[in-house]
Amino acid sequence: MPDRTKAEHGLEATTYKVGYKKPPLETRFGAERQPERVGRRAATRPAPDIAALLDEPLQVKSKGKKTKMHLHEATLHGLFKRVLKGEIGAIKKFLQYCRGAGLLEPSALAAAGVVVDTLA
């Protein structure tokens, strides 16, 4: 590391005064003289197991009693409550779930004893 002198900075000994926000040129850090800053490292946390969190049953209050439900079941219960209130977005989402599960297929409806009349 070369030492920088006042002459290298183009300053004479009499023109540069050391004071507030003016450190001595010999001791201040330059762009190439930055030390490697080794600070405290951030604590590394293990990544959470998302699958285990989603499979863990939730404690839900239903009809005044606390019961445990799977997360997906609790989500569908909440969605169905919104369907009963008549929210259009909830109705669309519920029908998407039913279509995805194959519950709206004629064979599934016939197996459940639902009469489906198709107008052709």
PDB file of N, CA and C in Angstrom:
ATOM      1  N   MET A   1       0.836  -1.175   0.000  1.00  0.00           N
ATOM      2  CA  MET A   1       0.000   0.000   0.000  1.00  0.00           C
ATOM      3  C   MET A   1       0.882   1.240   0.000  1.00  0.00           C
ATOM      4  N   PRO A   2       0.812   1.976  -1.056  1.00  0.00           N
ATOM      5  CA  PRO A   2       1.647   3.183  -1.099  1.00  0.00           C
ATOM      6  C   PRO A   2       1.083   4.251  -0.169  1.00  0.00           C
ATOM      7  N   ASP A   3       1.983   4.970   0.438  1.00  0.00           N
ATOM      8  CA  ASP A   3       1.565   6.073   1.299  1.00  0.00           C
ATOM      9  C   ASP A   3       1.260   7.284   0.436  1.00  0.00           C
ATOM     10  N   ARG A   4       0.180   7.925   0.724  1.00  0.00           N
ATOM     11  CA  ARG A   4      -0.175   9.138   0.001  1.00  0.00           C
ATOM     12  C   ARG A   4       0.333  10.333   0.796  1.00  0.00           C
ATOM     13  N   THR A   5       0.909  11.213   0.113  1.00  0.00           N
ATOM     14  CA  THR A   5       1.405  12.406   0.784  1.00  0.00           C
ATOM     15  C   THR A   5       0.606  13.600   0.310  1.00  0.00           C
ATOM     16  N   LYS A   6       0.833  14.710   0.947  1.00  0.00           N
ATOM     17  CA  LYS A   6       0.126  15.935   0.578  1.00  0.00           C
ATOM     18  C   LYS A   6       0.497  16.364  -0.831  1.00  0.00           C
ATOM     19  N   ALA A   7       1.721  16.092  -1.228  1.00  0.00           N
ATOM     20  CA  ALA A   7       2.168  16.491  -2.554  1.00  0.00           C
ATOM     21  C   ALA A   7       1.422  15.699  -3.628  1.00  0.00           C
ATOM     22  N   GLU A   8       1.121  14.426  -3.344  1.00  0.00           N
ATOM     23  CA  GLU A   8       0.392  13.615  -4.312  1.00  0.00           C
ATOM     24  C   GLU A   8      -1.020  14.141  -4.511  1.00  0.00           C
ATOM     25  N   HIS A   9      -1.588  14.742  -3.488  1.00  0.00           N
ATOM     26  CA  HIS A   9      -2.933  15.284  -3.575  1.00  0.00           C
ATOM     27  C   HIS A   9      -2.931  16.687  -4.159  1.00  0.00           C
ATOM     28  N   GLY A  10      -1.753  17.197  -4.441  1.00  0.00           N
ATOM     29  CA  GLY A  10      -1.671  18.541  -5.010  1.00  0.00           C
ATOM     30  C   GLY A  10      -1.854  19.617  -3.957  1.00  0.00           C
ATOM     31  N   LEU A  11      -1.596  19.308  -2.722  1.00  0.00           N
ATOM     32  CA  LEU A  11      -1.760  20.284  -1.642  1.00  0.00           C
ATOM     33  C   LEU A  11      -0.405  20.589  -1.013  1.00  0.00           C
ATOM     34  N   GLU A  12      -0.234  21.787  -0.677  1.00  0.00           N
ATOM     35  CA  GLU A  12       0.977  22.142   0.051  1.00  0.00           C
ATOM     36  C   GLU A  12       0.706  21.983   1.538  1.00  0.00           C
ATOM     37  N   ALA A  13       1.742  21.948   2.297  1.00  0.00           N
ATOM     38  CA  ALA A  13       1.616  21.748   3.736  1.00  0.00           C
ATOM     39  C   ALA A  13       0.847  22.867   4.399  1.00  0.00           C
ATOM     40  N   THR A  14       0.852  24.051   3.846  1.00  0.00           N
ATOM     41  CA  THR A  14       0.211  25.189   4.496  1.00  0.00           C
ATOM     42  C   THR A  14      -1.248  25.366   4.078  1.00  0.00           C
ATOM     43  N   THR A  15      -1.680  24.768   2.949  1.00  0.00           N
ATOM     44  CA  THR A  15      -3.033  25.027   2.489  1.00  0.00           C
ATOM     45  C   THR A  15      -4.064  24.087   3.106  1.00  0.00           C
ATOM     46  N   TYR A  16      -3.684  22.914   3.538  1.00  0.00           N
ATOM     47  CA  TYR A  16      -4.640  21.951   4.079  1.00  0.00           C
ATOM     48  C   TYR A  16      -4.587  21.966   5.590  1.00  0.00           C
ATOM     49  N   LYS A  17      -5.711  22.293   6.200  1.00  0.00           N
ATOM     50  CA  LYS A  17      -5.764  22.305   7.658  1.00  0.00           C
ATOM     51  C   LYS A  17      -6.612  21.133   8.128  1.00  0.00           C
ATOM     52  N   VAL A  18      -6.112  20.459   9.111  1.00  0.00           N
ATOM     53  CA  VAL A  18      -6.840  19.336   9.710  1.00  0.00           C
ATOM     54  C   VAL A  18      -7.843  19.916  10.675  1.00  0.00           C
ATOM     55  N   GLY A  19      -9.075  19.420  10.613  1.00  0.00           N
ATOM     56  CA  GLY A  19     -10.100  19.920  11.507  1.00  0.00           C
ATOM     57  C   GLY A  19     -11.365  19.103  11.363  1.00  0.00           C
ATOM     58  N   TYR A  20     -12.505  19.742  11.616  1.00  0.00           N
ATOM     59  CA  TYR A  20     -13.793  19.068  11.569  1.00  0.00           C
ATOM     60  C   TYR A  20     -14.056  18.591  10.147  1.00  0.00           C
ATOM     61  N   LYS A  21     -14.306  17.311   9.986  1.00  0.00           N
ATOM     62  CA  LYS A  21     -14.528  16.644   8.706  1.00  0.00           C
ATOM     63  C   LYS A  21     -13.357  16.761   7.749  1.00  0.00           C
ATOM     64  N   LYS A  22     -12.176  17.002   8.290  1.00  0.00           N
ATOM     65  CA  LYS A  22     -10.957  17.074   7.474  1.00  0.00           C
ATOM     66  C   LYS A  22      -9.862  16.280   8.198  1.00  0.00           C
ATOM     67  N   PRO A  23      -9.854  14.954   7.990  1.00  0.00           N
ATOM     68  CA  PRO A  23      -8.827  14.149   8.662  1.00  0.00           C
ATOM     69  C   PRO A  23      -7.469  14.336   7.984  1.00  0.00           C
ATOM     70  N   PRO A  24      -6.410  13.994   8.670  1.00  0.00           N
ATOM     71  CA  PRO A  24      -5.089  14.081   8.044  1.00  0.00           C
ATOM     72  C   PRO A  24      -5.030  13.199   6.801  1.00  0.00           C
ATOM     73  N   LEU A  25      -4.424  13.695   5.743  1.00  0.00           N
ATOM     74  CA  LEU A  25      -4.387  12.963   4.484  1.00  0.00           C
ATOM     75  C   LEU A  25      -3.659  11.628   4.609  1.00  0.00           C
ATOM     76  N   GLU A  26      -2.690  11.558   5.483  1.00  0.00           N
ATOM     77  CA  GLU A  26      -1.909  10.333   5.623  1.00  0.00           C
ATOM     78  C   GLU A  26      -2.711   9.205   6.275  1.00  0.00           C
ATOM     79  N   THR A  27      -3.696   9.572   7.071  1.00  0.00           N
ATOM     80  CA  THR A  27      -4.405   8.539   7.823  1.00  0.00           C
ATOM     81  C   THR A  27      -5.813   8.263   7.332  1.00  0.00           C
ATOM     82  N   ARG A  28      -6.358   9.086   6.451  1.00  0.00           N
ATOM     83  CA  ARG A  28      -7.724   8.827   6.020  1.00  0.00           C
ATOM     84  C   ARG A  28      -7.738   7.746   4.945  1.00  0.00           C
ATOM     85  N   PHE A  29      -8.878   7.073   4.841  1.00  0.00           N
ATOM     86  CA  PHE A  29      -9.009   5.994   3.875  1.00  0.00           C
ATOM     87  C   PHE A  29      -9.287   6.576   2.503  1.00  0.00           C
ATOM     88  N   GLY A  30      -8.624   6.043   1.529  1.00  0.00           N
ATOM     89  CA  GLY A  30      -8.900   6.386   0.145  1.00  0.00           C
ATOM     90  C   GLY A  30      -9.733   5.269  -0.465  1.00  0.00           C
ATOM     91  N   ALA A  31     -10.079   5.432  -1.720  1.00  0.00           N
ATOM     92  CA  ALA A  31     -10.914   4.431  -2.377  1.00  0.00           C
ATOM     93  C   ALA A  31     -10.200   3.095  -2.469  1.00  0.00           C
ATOM     94  N   GLU A  32      -8.885   3.098  -2.701  1.00  0.00           N
ATOM     95  CA  GLU A  32      -8.160   1.835  -2.854  1.00  0.00           C
ATOM     96  C   GLU A  32      -7.626   1.291  -1.535  1.00  0.00           C
ATOM     97  N   ARG A  33      -7.787   2.041  -0.459  1.00  0.00           N
ATOM     98  CA  ARG A  33      -7.233   1.590   0.811  1.00  0.00           C
ATOM     99  C   ARG A  33      -8.308   1.129   1.787  1.00  0.00           C
ATOM    100  N   GLN A  34      -9.492   0.818   1.293  1.00  0.00           N
ATOM    101  CA  GLN A  34     -10.570   0.368   2.178  1.00  0.00           C
ATOM    102  C   GLN A  34     -10.203  -0.994   2.765  1.00  0.00           C
ATOM    103  N   PRO A  35     -10.298  -1.131   4.045  1.00  0.00           N
ATOM    104  CA  PRO A  35     -10.014  -2.446   4.639  1.00  0.00           C
ATOM    105  C   PRO A  35     -11.176  -3.398   4.387  1.00  0.00           C
ATOM    106  N   GLU A  36     -10.908  -4.662   4.465  1.00  0.00           N
ATOM    107  CA  GLU A  36     -11.990  -5.636   4.365  1.00  0.00           C
ATOM    108  C   GLU A  36     -12.794  -5.557   5.651  1.00  0.00           C
ATOM    109  N   ARG A  37     -14.031  -5.246   5.500  1.00  0.00           N
ATOM    110  CA  ARG A  37     -14.871  -5.073   6.686  1.00  0.00           C
ATOM    111  C   ARG A  37     -15.547  -6.395   6.996  1.00  0.00           C
ATOM    112  N   VAL A  38     -15.145  -6.962   8.087  1.00  0.00           N
ATOM    113  CA  VAL A  38     -15.733  -8.228   8.511  1.00  0.00           C
ATOM    114  C   VAL A  38     -16.570  -7.917   9.737  1.00  0.00           C
ATOM    115  N   GLY A  39     -17.858  -7.849   9.508  1.00  0.00           N
ATOM    116  CA  GLY A  39     -18.764  -7.556  10.610  1.00  0.00           C
ATOM    117  C   GLY A  39     -19.398  -8.821  11.123  1.00  0.00           C
ATOM    118  N   ARG A  40     -20.375  -8.632  11.920  1.00  0.00           N
ATOM    119  CA  ARG A  40     -21.122  -9.767  12.438  1.00  0.00           C
ATOM    120  C   ARG A  40     -21.997 -10.326  11.341  1.00  0.00           C
ATOM    121  N   ARG A  41     -21.942 -11.595  11.151  1.00  0.00           N
ATOM    122  CA  ARG A  41     -22.749 -12.197  10.104  1.00  0.00           C
ATOM    123  C   ARG A  41     -24.170 -12.405  10.586  1.00  0.00           C
ATOM    124  N   ALA A  42     -25.079 -12.298   9.645  1.00  0.00           N
ATOM    125  CA  ALA A  42     -26.477 -12.505   9.975  1.00  0.00           C
ATOM    126  C   ALA A  42     -26.696 -13.977  10.319  1.00  0.00           C
ATOM    127  N   ALA A  43     -27.505 -14.202  11.299  1.00  0.00           N
ATOM    128  CA  ALA A  43     -27.798 -15.577  11.703  1.00  0.00           C
ATOM    129  C   ALA A  43     -28.588 -16.255  10.595  1.00  0.00           C
ATOM    130  N   THR A  44     -28.163 -17.436  10.235  1.00  0.00           N
ATOM    131  CA  THR A  44     -28.876 -18.175   9.199  1.00  0.00           C
ATOM    132  C   THR A  44     -29.907 -19.078   9.862  1.00  0.00           C
ATOM    133  N   ARG A  45     -31.122 -18.932   9.406  1.00  0.00           N
ATOM    134  CA  ARG A  45     -32.201 -19.751   9.944  1.00  0.00           C
ATOM    135  C   ARG A  45     -32.474 -20.894   8.982  1.00  0.00           C
ATOM    136  N   PRO A  46     -32.815 -22.035   9.500  1.00  0.00           N
ATOM    137  CA  PRO A  46     -33.161 -23.116   8.579  1.00  0.00           C
ATOM    138  C   PRO A  46     -34.478 -22.790   7.872  1.00  0.00           C
ATOM    139  N   ALA A  47     -34.570 -23.195   6.631  1.00  0.00           N
ATOM    140  CA  ALA A  47     -35.777 -22.927   5.852  1.00  0.00           C
ATOM    141  C   ALA A  47     -36.943 -23.716   6.448  1.00  0.00           C
ATOM    142  N   PRO A  48     -38.105 -23.072   6.578  1.00  0.00           N
ATOM    143  CA  PRO A  48     -39.249 -23.785   7.154  1.00  0.00           C
ATOM    144  C   PRO A  48     -39.751 -24.863   6.192  1.00  0.00           C
ATOM    145  N   ASP A  49     -40.255 -25.933   6.746  1.00  0.00           N
ATOM    146  CA  ASP A  49     -40.809 -27.022   5.948  1.00  0.00           C
ATOM    147  C   ASP A  49     -42.258 -26.669   5.634  1.00  0.00           C
ATOM    148  N   ILE A  50     -42.487 -26.148   4.442  1.00  0.00           N
ATOM    149  CA  ILE A  50     -43.801 -25.660   4.044  1.00  0.00           C
ATOM    150  C   ILE A  50     -44.820 -26.793   4.009  1.00  0.00           C
ATOM    151  N   ALA A  51     -44.407 -27.944   3.503  1.00  0.00           N
ATOM    152  CA  ALA A  51     -45.337 -29.071   3.407  1.00  0.00           C
ATOM    153  C   ALA A  51     -45.818 -29.503   4.789  1.00  0.00           C
ATOM    154  N   ALA A  52     -44.917 -29.500   5.764  1.00  0.00           N
ATOM    155  CA  ALA A  52     -45.306 -29.891   7.123  1.00  0.00           C
ATOM    156  C   ALA A  52     -46.254 -28.851   7.731  1.00  0.00           C
ATOM    157  N   LEU A  53     -46.013 -27.577   7.440  1.00  0.00           N
ATOM    158  CA  LEU A  53     -46.894 -26.532   7.966  1.00  0.00           C
ATOM    159  C   LEU A  53     -48.293 -26.630   7.365  1.00  0.00           C
ATOM    160  N   LEU A  54     -48.369 -26.983   6.068  1.00  0.00           N
ATOM    161  CA  LEU A  54     -49.678 -27.088   5.421  1.00  0.00           C
ATOM    162  C   LEU A  54     -50.431 -28.335   5.846  1.00  0.00           C
ATOM    163  N   ASP A  55     -49.718 -29.385   6.251  1.00  0.00           N
ATOM    164  CA  ASP A  55     -50.373 -30.619   6.684  1.00  0.00           C
ATOM    165  C   ASP A  55     -50.787 -30.578   8.151  1.00  0.00           C
ATOM    166  N   GLU A  56     -50.257 -29.624   8.890  1.00  0.00           N
ATOM    167  CA  GLU A  56     -50.568 -29.528  10.318  1.00  0.00           C
ATOM    168  C   GLU A  56     -52.021 -29.096  10.508  1.00  0.00           C
ATOM    169  N   PRO A  57     -52.786 -29.797  11.334  1.00  0.00           N
ATOM    170  CA  PRO A  57     -54.185 -29.405  11.531  1.00  0.00           C
ATOM    171  C   PRO A  57     -54.293 -28.088  12.306  1.00  0.00           C
ATOM    172  N   LEU A  58     -55.306 -27.325  11.937  1.00  0.00           N
ATOM    173  CA  LEU A  58     -55.567 -26.047  12.606  1.00  0.00           C
ATOM    174  C   LEU A  58     -56.649 -26.220  13.656  1.00  0.00           C
ATOM    175  N   GLN A  59     -56.560 -25.436  14.704  1.00  0.00           N
ATOM    176  CA  GLN A  59     -57.616 -25.445  15.704  1.00  0.00           C
ATOM    177  C   GLN A  59     -58.625 -24.370  15.302  1.00  0.00           C
ATOM    178  N   VAL A  60     -59.856 -24.807  15.027  1.00  0.00           N
ATOM    179  CA  VAL A  60     -60.902 -23.929  14.510  1.00  0.00           C
ATOM    180  C   VAL A  60     -62.096 -23.986  15.451  1.00  0.00           C
ATOM    181  N   LYS A  61     -62.754 -22.838  15.606  1.00  0.00           N
ATOM    182  CA  LYS A  61     -63.956 -22.799  16.420  1.00  0.00           C
ATOM    183  C   LYS A  61     -65.159 -22.964  15.495  1.00  0.00           C
ATOM    184  N   SER A  62     -65.880 -24.070  15.641  1.00  0.00           N
ATOM    185  CA  SER A  62     -67.026 -24.352  14.796  1.00  0.00           C
ATOM    186  C   SER A  62     -68.213 -24.698  15.678  1.00  0.00           C
ATOM    187  N   LYS A  63     -69.295 -23.966  15.507  1.00  0.00           N
ATOM    188  CA  LYS A  63     -70.509 -24.149  16.308  1.00  0.00           C
ATOM    189  C   LYS A  63     -70.224 -24.036  17.806  1.00  0.00           C
ATOM    190  N   GLY A  64     -69.351 -23.140  18.162  1.00  0.00           N
ATOM    191  CA  GLY A  64     -69.049 -22.891  19.566  1.00  0.00           C
ATOM    192  C   GLY A  64     -68.055 -23.861  20.175  1.00  0.00           C
ATOM    193  N   LYS A  65     -67.600 -24.847  19.428  1.00  0.00           N
ATOM    194  CA  LYS A  65     -66.644 -25.826  19.948  1.00  0.00           C
ATOM    195  C   LYS A  65     -65.339 -25.728  19.160  1.00  0.00           C
ATOM    196  N   LYS A  66     -64.245 -25.978  19.849  1.00  0.00           N
ATOM    197  CA  LYS A  66     -62.950 -25.980  19.196  1.00  0.00           C
ATOM    198  C   LYS A  66     -62.703 -27.363  18.603  1.00  0.00           C
ATOM    199  N   THR A  67     -62.433 -27.395  17.315  1.00  0.00           N
ATOM    200  CA  THR A  67     -62.125 -28.651  16.639  1.00  0.00           C
ATOM    201  C   THR A  67     -60.870 -28.456  15.803  1.00  0.00           C
ATOM    202  N   LYS A  68     -60.268 -29.564  15.405  1.00  0.00           N
ATOM    203  CA  LYS A  68     -59.085 -29.496  14.553  1.00  0.00           C
ATOM    204  C   LYS A  68     -59.482 -29.877  13.142  1.00  0.00           C
ATOM    205  N   MET A  69     -59.023 -29.068  12.172  1.00  0.00           N
ATOM    206  CA  MET A  69     -59.320 -29.289  10.761  1.00  0.00           C
ATOM    207  C   MET A  69     -58.055 -29.123   9.946  1.00  0.00           C
ATOM    208  N   HIS A  70     -58.045 -29.778   8.807  1.00  0.00           N
ATOM    209  CA  HIS A  70     -56.969 -29.569   7.854  1.00  0.00           C
ATOM    210  C   HIS A  70     -57.129 -28.166   7.273  1.00  0.00           C
ATOM    211  N   LEU A  71     -56.036 -27.557   6.874  1.00  0.00           N
ATOM    212  CA  LEU A  71     -56.056 -26.190   6.357  1.00  0.00           C
ATOM    213  C   LEU A  71     -56.986 -26.058   5.152  1.00  0.00           C
ATOM    214  N   HIS A  72     -56.944 -27.018   4.249  1.00  0.00           N
ATOM    215  CA  HIS A  72     -57.780 -26.956   3.049  1.00  0.00           C
ATOM    216  C   HIS A  72     -59.269 -27.038   3.415  1.00  0.00           C
ATOM    217  N   GLU A  73     -59.588 -27.886   4.374  1.00  0.00           N
ATOM    218  CA  GLU A  73     -60.982 -28.023   4.810  1.00  0.00           C
ATOM    219  C   GLU A  73     -61.479 -26.736   5.457  1.00  0.00           C
ATOM    220  N   ALA A  74     -60.642 -26.121   6.270  1.00  0.00           N
ATOM    221  CA  ALA A  74     -61.021 -24.867   6.921  1.00  0.00           C
ATOM    222  C   ALA A  74     -61.212 -23.757   5.888  1.00  0.00           C
ATOM    223  N   THR A  75     -60.375 -23.755   4.861  1.00  0.00           N
ATOM    224  CA  THR A  75     -60.509 -22.763   3.792  1.00  0.00           C
ATOM    225  C   THR A  75     -61.828 -22.940   3.059  1.00  0.00           C
ATOM    226  N   LEU A  76     -62.179 -24.189   2.767  1.00  0.00           N
ATOM    227  CA  LEU A  76     -63.438 -24.449   2.067  1.00  0.00           C
ATOM    228  C   LEU A  76     -64.649 -24.112   2.931  1.00  0.00           C
ATOM    229  N   HIS A  77     -64.554 -24.330   4.235  1.00  0.00           N
ATOM    230  CA  HIS A  77     -65.650 -23.945   5.141  1.00  0.00           C
ATOM    231  C   HIS A  77     -65.877 -22.431   5.080  1.00  0.00           C
ATOM    232  N   GLY A  78     -64.790 -21.676   5.142  1.00  0.00           N
ATOM    233  CA  GLY A  78     -64.910 -20.227   5.067  1.00  0.00           C
ATOM    234  C   GLY A  78     -65.448 -19.763   3.726  1.00  0.00           C
ATOM    235  N   LEU A  79     -64.984 -20.423   2.655  1.00  0.00           N
ATOM    236  CA  LEU A  79     -65.464 -20.076   1.323  1.00  0.00           C
ATOM    237  C   LEU A  79     -66.953 -20.376   1.188  1.00  0.00           C
ATOM    238  N   PHE A  80     -67.392 -21.515   1.747  1.00  0.00           N
ATOM    239  CA  PHE A  80     -68.803 -21.887   1.643  1.00  0.00           C
ATOM    240  C   PHE A  80     -69.694 -20.925   2.434  1.00  0.00           C
ATOM    241  N   LYS A  81     -69.203 -20.422   3.556  1.00  0.00           N
ATOM    242  CA  LYS A  81     -69.969 -19.422   4.313  1.00  0.00           C
ATOM    243  C   LYS A  81     -70.176 -18.167   3.475  1.00  0.00           C
ATOM    244  N   ARG A  82     -69.132 -17.786   2.719  1.00  0.00           N
ATOM    245  CA  ARG A  82     -69.251 -16.619   1.854  1.00  0.00           C
ATOM    246  C   ARG A  82     -70.199 -16.894   0.697  1.00  0.00           C
ATOM    247  N   VAL A  83     -70.239 -18.154   0.211  1.00  0.00           N
ATOM    248  CA  VAL A  83     -71.167 -18.534  -0.855  1.00  0.00           C
ATOM    249  C   VAL A  83     -72.599 -18.386  -0.355  1.00  0.00           C
ATOM    250  N   LEU A  84     -72.859 -18.831   0.875  1.00  0.00           N
ATOM    251  CA  LEU A  84     -74.203 -18.743   1.432  1.00  0.00           C
ATOM    252  C   LEU A  84     -74.646 -17.290   1.625  1.00  0.00           C
ATOM    253  N   LYS A  85     -73.694 -16.394   1.824  1.00  0.00           N
ATOM    254  CA  LYS A  85     -74.037 -14.974   1.945  1.00  0.00           C
ATOM    255  C   LYS A  85     -74.352 -14.362   0.587  1.00  0.00           C
ATOM    256  N   GLY A  86     -73.954 -15.045  -0.492  1.00  0.00           N
ATOM    257  CA  GLY A  86     -74.271 -14.568  -1.836  1.00  0.00           C
ATOM    258  C   GLY A  86     -73.167 -13.780  -2.509  1.00  0.00           C
ATOM    259  N   GLU A  87     -71.923 -13.915  -2.057  1.00  0.00           N
ATOM    260  CA  GLU A  87     -70.823 -13.197  -2.688  1.00  0.00           C
ATOM    261  C   GLU A  87     -70.495 -13.857  -4.030  1.00  0.00           C
ATOM    262  N   ILE A  88     -70.535 -13.076  -5.088  1.00  0.00           N
ATOM    263  CA  ILE A  88     -70.348 -13.593  -6.445  1.00  0.00           C
ATOM    264  C   ILE A  88     -68.945 -14.195  -6.626  1.00  0.00           C
ATOM    265  N   GLY A  89     -67.934 -13.512  -6.146  1.00  0.00           N
ATOM    266  CA  GLY A  89     -66.562 -14.008  -6.281  1.00  0.00           C
ATOM    267  C   GLY A  89     -66.377 -15.343  -5.581  1.00  0.00           C
ATOM    268  N   ALA A  90     -67.008 -15.487  -4.410  1.00  0.00           N
ATOM    269  CA  ALA A  90     -66.905 -16.740  -3.656  1.00  0.00           C
ATOM    270  C   ALA A  90     -67.639 -17.864  -4.387  1.00  0.00           C
ATOM    271  N   ILE A  91     -68.765 -17.539  -5.020  1.00  0.00           N
ATOM    272  CA  ILE A  91     -69.518 -18.550  -5.768  1.00  0.00           C
ATOM    273  C   ILE A  91     -68.683 -19.055  -6.940  1.00  0.00           C
ATOM    274  N   LYS A  92     -68.046 -18.128  -7.671  1.00  0.00           N
ATOM    275  CA  LYS A  92     -67.199 -18.521  -8.792  1.00  0.00           C
ATOM    276  C   LYS A  92     -66.051 -19.407  -8.332  1.00  0.00           C
ATOM    277  N   LYS A  93     -65.408 -19.018  -7.240  1.00  0.00           N
ATOM    278  CA  LYS A  93     -64.269 -19.789  -6.714  1.00  0.00           C
ATOM    279  C   LYS A  93     -64.724 -21.172  -6.268  1.00  0.00           C
ATOM    280  N   PHE A  94     -65.883 -21.257  -5.622  1.00  0.00           N
ATOM    281  CA  PHE A  94     -66.401 -22.539  -5.158  1.00  0.00           C
ATOM    282  C   PHE A  94     -66.708 -23.458  -6.343  1.00  0.00           C
ATOM    283  N   LEU A  95     -67.297 -22.895  -7.403  1.00  0.00           N
ATOM    284  CA  LEU A  95     -67.580 -23.700  -8.593  1.00  0.00           C
ATOM    285  C   LEU A  95     -66.293 -24.154  -9.279  1.00  0.00           C
ATOM    286  N   GLN A  96     -65.262 -23.335  -9.228  1.00  0.00           N
ATOM    287  CA  GLN A  96     -63.961 -23.756  -9.768  1.00  0.00           C
ATOM    288  C   GLN A  96     -63.415 -24.948  -8.987  1.00  0.00           C
ATOM    289  N   TYR A  97     -63.521 -24.898  -7.659  1.00  0.00           N
ATOM    290  CA  TYR A  97     -63.073 -26.024  -6.832  1.00  0.00           C
ATOM    291  C   TYR A  97     -63.872 -27.283  -7.171  1.00  0.00           C
ATOM    292  N   CYS A  98     -65.176 -27.135  -7.313  1.00  0.00           N
ATOM    293  CA  CYS A  98     -66.032 -28.292  -7.617  1.00  0.00           C
ATOM    294  C   CYS A  98     -65.696 -28.875  -8.987  1.00  0.00           C
ATOM    295  N   ARG A  99     -65.488 -28.004  -9.986  1.00  0.00           N
ATOM    296  CA  ARG A  99     -65.109 -28.477 -11.318  1.00  0.00           C
ATOM    297  C   ARG A  99     -63.768 -29.192 -11.280  1.00  0.00           C
ATOM    298  N   GLY A 100     -62.811 -28.626 -10.546  1.00  0.00           N
ATOM    299  CA  GLY A 100     -61.478 -29.223 -10.425  1.00  0.00           C
ATOM    300  C   GLY A 100     -61.507 -30.586  -9.760  1.00  0.00           C
ATOM    301  N   ALA A 101     -62.429 -30.775  -8.820  1.00  0.00           N
ATOM    302  CA  ALA A 101     -62.550 -32.054  -8.118  1.00  0.00           C
ATOM    303  C   ALA A 101     -63.429 -33.032  -8.882  1.00  0.00           C
ATOM    304  N   GLY A 102     -64.049 -32.584  -9.980  1.00  0.00           N
ATOM    305  CA  GLY A 102     -64.905 -33.463 -10.775  1.00  0.00           C
ATOM    306  C   GLY A 102     -66.274 -33.677 -10.178  1.00  0.00           C
ATOM    307  N   LEU A 103     -66.688 -32.791  -9.302  1.00  0.00           N
ATOM    308  CA  LEU A 103     -67.983 -32.949  -8.636  1.00  0.00           C
ATOM    309  C   LEU A 103     -69.158 -32.495  -9.497  1.00  0.00           C
ATOM    310  N   LEU A 104     -68.891 -31.789 -10.569  1.00  0.00           N
ATOM    311  CA  LEU A 104     -69.973 -31.291 -11.424  1.00  0.00           C
ATOM    312  C   LEU A 104     -70.145 -32.135 -12.689  1.00  0.00           C
ATOM    313  N   GLU A 105     -69.414 -33.232 -12.786  1.00  0.00           N
ATOM    314  CA  GLU A 105     -69.553 -34.141 -13.923  1.00  0.00           C
ATOM    315  C   GLU A 105     -70.873 -34.901 -13.787  1.00  0.00           C
ATOM    316  N   PRO A 106     -71.563 -35.188 -14.893  1.00  0.00           N
ATOM    317  CA  PRO A 106     -72.843 -35.911 -14.811  1.00  0.00           C
ATOM    318  C   PRO A 106     -72.731 -37.276 -14.129  1.00  0.00           C
ATOM    319  N   SER A 107     -71.624 -37.965 -14.329  1.00  0.00           N
ATOM    320  CA  SER A 107     -71.470 -39.287 -13.694  1.00  0.00           C
ATOM    321  C   SER A 107     -71.364 -39.151 -12.171  1.00  0.00           C
ATOM    322  N   ALA A 108     -70.659 -38.133 -11.705  1.00  0.00           N
ATOM    323  CA  ALA A 108     -70.525 -37.913 -10.259  1.00  0.00           C
ATOM    324  C   ALA A 108     -71.863 -37.500  -9.657  1.00  0.00           C
ATOM    325  N   LEU A 109     -72.616 -36.683 -10.384  1.00  0.00           N
ATOM    326  CA  LEU A 109     -73.917 -36.246  -9.881  1.00  0.00           C
ATOM    327  C   LEU A 109     -74.906 -37.413  -9.855  1.00  0.00           C
ATOM    328  N   ALA A 110     -74.845 -38.287 -10.866  1.00  0.00           N
ATOM    329  CA  ALA A 110     -75.737 -39.444 -10.897  1.00  0.00           C
ATOM    330  C   ALA A 110     -75.409 -40.409  -9.768  1.00  0.00           C
ATOM    331  N   ALA A 111     -74.121 -40.560  -9.457  1.00  0.00           N
ATOM    332  CA  ALA A 111     -73.717 -41.444  -8.368  1.00  0.00           C
ATOM    333  C   ALA A 111     -74.190 -40.899  -7.021  1.00  0.00           C
ATOM    334  N   ALA A 112     -74.328 -39.595  -6.923  1.00  0.00           N
ATOM    335  CA  ALA A 112     -74.795 -38.981  -5.684  1.00  0.00           C
ATOM    336  C   ALA A 112     -76.315 -38.962  -5.593  1.00  0.00           C
ATOM    337  N   GLY A 113     -76.993 -39.397  -6.645  1.00  0.00           N
ATOM    338  CA  GLY A 113     -78.458 -39.437  -6.622  1.00  0.00           C
ATOM    339  C   GLY A 113     -79.100 -38.149  -7.063  1.00  0.00           C
ATOM    340  N   VAL A 114     -78.371 -37.285  -7.736  1.00  0.00           N
ATOM    341  CA  VAL A 114     -78.906 -36.006  -8.194  1.00  0.00           C
ATOM    342  C   VAL A 114     -79.431 -36.214  -9.614  1.00  0.00           C
ATOM    343  N   VAL A 115     -80.632 -35.759  -9.852  1.00  0.00           N
ATOM    344  CA  VAL A 115     -81.218 -35.868 -11.173  1.00  0.00           C
ATOM    345  C   VAL A 115     -80.779 -34.676 -12.006  1.00  0.00           C
ATOM    346  N   VAL A 116     -80.145 -34.957 -13.142  1.00  0.00           N
ATOM    347  CA  VAL A 116     -79.676 -33.908 -14.030  1.00  0.00           C
ATOM    348  C   VAL A 116     -80.429 -34.046 -15.331  1.00  0.00           C
ATOM    349  N   ASP A 117     -81.126 -32.993 -15.697  1.00  0.00           N
ATOM    350  CA  ASP A 117     -81.860 -32.992 -16.956  1.00  0.00           C
ATOM    351  C   ASP A 117     -81.117 -32.107 -17.923  1.00  0.00           C
ATOM    352  N   THR A 118     -80.602 -32.706 -18.966  1.00  0.00           N
ATOM    353  CA  THR A 118     -79.861 -31.931 -19.946  1.00  0.00           C
ATOM    354  C   THR A 118     -80.799 -31.568 -21.092  1.00  0.00           C
ATOM    355  N   LEU A 119     -80.800 -30.314 -21.412  1.00  0.00           N
ATOM    356  CA  LEU A 119     -81.612 -29.826 -22.514  1.00  0.00           C
ATOM    357  C   LEU A 119     -80.732 -29.748 -23.747  1.00  0.00           C
ATOM    358  N   ALA A 120     -81.049 -30.599 -24.717  1.00  0.00           N
ATOM    359  CA  ALA A 120     -80.213 -30.613 -25.908  1.00  0.00           C
ATOM    360  C   ALA A 120     -80.979 -30.136 -27.111  1.00  0.00           C
TER     361      ALA A 120
END
